[in-house]
N, C-alpha and C. Protein backbone atom coordinates (compact mmCIF):
# COMPACT_ATOMS: atom_id res chain seq x y z
N MET A 1 63.80 82.88 75.31
CA MET A 1 63.63 83.56 74.05
C MET A 1 64.50 82.89 73.00
N ILE A 2 63.94 82.63 71.87
CA ILE A 2 64.65 81.97 70.78
C ILE A 2 64.91 82.99 69.68
N SER A 3 66.16 83.08 69.26
CA SER A 3 66.46 83.96 68.14
C SER A 3 66.94 83.10 66.98
N VAL A 4 66.49 83.44 65.81
CA VAL A 4 66.84 82.69 64.61
C VAL A 4 67.54 83.62 63.65
N ILE A 5 68.65 83.16 63.11
CA ILE A 5 69.41 83.94 62.14
C ILE A 5 69.32 83.22 60.79
N TYR A 6 68.91 83.95 59.79
CA TYR A 6 68.80 83.39 58.45
C TYR A 6 69.94 83.89 57.59
N ALA A 7 70.38 83.06 56.67
CA ALA A 7 71.38 83.45 55.70
C ALA A 7 70.86 83.13 54.30
N ILE A 8 71.09 84.05 53.41
CA ILE A 8 70.67 83.85 52.04
C ILE A 8 71.91 83.87 51.17
N LYS A 9 72.08 82.85 50.37
CA LYS A 9 73.22 82.74 49.48
C LYS A 9 72.77 83.08 48.07
N LEU A 10 73.49 84.00 47.43
CA LEU A 10 73.15 84.41 46.08
C LEU A 10 74.30 84.11 45.14
N GLU A 11 73.98 83.82 43.92
CA GLU A 11 75.00 83.62 42.90
C GLU A 11 74.66 84.51 41.72
N LEU A 12 75.63 85.32 41.31
CA LEU A 12 75.42 86.17 40.15
C LEU A 12 75.74 85.39 38.89
N LYS A 13 74.89 85.50 37.92
CA LYS A 13 75.14 84.84 36.64
C LYS A 13 75.60 85.92 35.66
N LEU A 14 76.91 86.04 35.54
CA LEU A 14 77.50 87.11 34.75
C LEU A 14 78.00 86.58 33.42
N ASN A 15 77.94 87.43 32.40
CA ASN A 15 78.57 87.07 31.14
C ASN A 15 80.05 87.43 31.23
N ASN A 16 80.80 87.17 30.18
CA ASN A 16 82.25 87.37 30.23
C ASN A 16 82.62 88.83 30.44
N LYS A 17 81.92 89.75 29.80
CA LYS A 17 82.23 91.17 29.96
C LYS A 17 81.97 91.62 31.40
N GLU A 18 80.84 91.22 31.96
CA GLU A 18 80.52 91.58 33.34
C GLU A 18 81.50 90.94 34.32
N ARG A 19 81.89 89.71 34.03
CA ARG A 19 82.85 89.01 34.91
C ARG A 19 84.19 89.74 34.93
N SER A 20 84.65 90.20 33.77
CA SER A 20 85.94 90.90 33.73
C SER A 20 85.83 92.26 34.42
N LEU A 21 84.70 92.95 34.28
CA LEU A 21 84.51 94.22 34.98
C LEU A 21 84.50 94.03 36.50
N MET A 22 83.84 92.99 36.96
CA MET A 22 83.81 92.71 38.40
C MET A 22 85.21 92.39 38.91
N ALA A 23 85.98 91.65 38.14
CA ALA A 23 87.35 91.31 38.55
C ALA A 23 88.21 92.57 38.64
N ARG A 24 88.03 93.49 37.67
CA ARG A 24 88.81 94.73 37.70
C ARG A 24 88.43 95.59 38.90
N HIS A 25 87.15 95.70 39.18
CA HIS A 25 86.71 96.52 40.31
C HIS A 25 87.19 95.94 41.63
N SER A 26 87.12 94.63 41.77
CA SER A 26 87.57 94.03 43.03
C SER A 26 89.09 94.16 43.18
N GLY A 27 89.81 94.09 42.08
CA GLY A 27 91.26 94.29 42.14
C GLY A 27 91.62 95.70 42.56
N TYR A 28 90.88 96.67 42.06
CA TYR A 28 91.14 98.07 42.42
C TYR A 28 90.78 98.32 43.88
N ALA A 29 89.70 97.71 44.34
CA ALA A 29 89.31 97.87 45.75
C ALA A 29 90.39 97.27 46.65
N ARG A 30 90.95 96.14 46.26
CA ARG A 30 92.00 95.52 47.06
C ARG A 30 93.24 96.40 47.08
N PHE A 31 93.57 97.02 45.94
CA PHE A 31 94.71 97.93 45.87
C PHE A 31 94.50 99.11 46.82
N GLY A 32 93.30 99.67 46.83
CA GLY A 32 92.99 100.79 47.72
C GLY A 32 93.08 100.40 49.18
N TYR A 33 92.59 99.20 49.51
CA TYR A 33 92.66 98.72 50.89
C TYR A 33 94.12 98.55 51.32
N ASN A 34 94.93 97.93 50.47
CA ASN A 34 96.34 97.72 50.81
C ASN A 34 97.08 99.04 50.95
N TYR A 35 96.77 100.01 50.09
CA TYR A 35 97.41 101.32 50.17
C TYR A 35 97.06 102.01 51.49
N ALA A 36 95.78 101.99 51.84
CA ALA A 36 95.35 102.63 53.08
C ALA A 36 95.95 101.92 54.30
N LEU A 37 96.03 100.61 54.25
CA LEU A 37 96.62 99.86 55.36
C LEU A 37 98.10 100.21 55.53
N ALA A 38 98.83 100.29 54.44
CA ALA A 38 100.25 100.65 54.51
C ALA A 38 100.42 102.07 55.04
N LEU A 39 99.57 102.97 54.60
CA LEU A 39 99.64 104.35 55.08
C LEU A 39 99.35 104.41 56.58
N TYR A 40 98.35 103.68 57.03
CA TYR A 40 98.01 103.63 58.46
C TYR A 40 99.18 103.09 59.28
N GLN A 41 99.81 102.02 58.78
CA GLN A 41 100.92 101.43 59.52
C GLN A 41 102.12 102.37 59.59
N ARG A 42 102.37 103.12 58.51
CA ARG A 42 103.48 104.08 58.54
C ARG A 42 103.20 105.19 59.54
N VAL A 43 101.98 105.68 59.58
CA VAL A 43 101.62 106.76 60.51
C VAL A 43 101.67 106.25 61.95
N LYS A 44 101.19 105.03 62.16
CA LYS A 44 101.16 104.46 63.50
C LYS A 44 102.57 104.25 64.05
N ASP A 45 103.50 103.84 63.19
CA ASP A 45 104.86 103.56 63.64
C ASP A 45 105.74 104.81 63.71
N TRP A 46 105.25 105.91 63.16
CA TRP A 46 106.03 107.15 63.13
C TRP A 46 106.04 107.78 64.51
N THR A 47 107.21 108.16 64.98
CA THR A 47 107.31 108.83 66.27
C THR A 47 107.94 110.20 66.06
N VAL A 48 107.52 111.13 66.86
CA VAL A 48 108.04 112.49 66.79
C VAL A 48 109.35 112.52 67.56
N PRO A 49 110.44 112.94 66.91
CA PRO A 49 111.71 113.01 67.65
C PRO A 49 111.66 114.14 68.68
N ASP A 50 112.34 113.91 69.79
CA ASP A 50 112.40 114.94 70.83
C ASP A 50 113.27 116.10 70.34
N CYS A 51 112.73 117.28 70.48
CA CYS A 51 113.48 118.49 70.08
C CYS A 51 114.32 118.94 71.27
N GLN A 52 115.59 119.08 71.03
CA GLN A 52 116.49 119.55 72.09
C GLN A 52 116.99 120.92 71.69
N VAL A 53 116.77 121.89 72.53
CA VAL A 53 117.21 123.26 72.22
C VAL A 53 118.46 123.58 73.00
């Protein structure tokens, strides 16, 4: 059995206003990703201290 995988490459032709909007949106998405990653790492590394009565 032969399987073929195709890839399509697209290029957006943006004007200056659209280009700046895309840059802002991608920057905000990156900020959100980094924030969530830092939050995950803090939660993962957090340990519950043993309660001694």
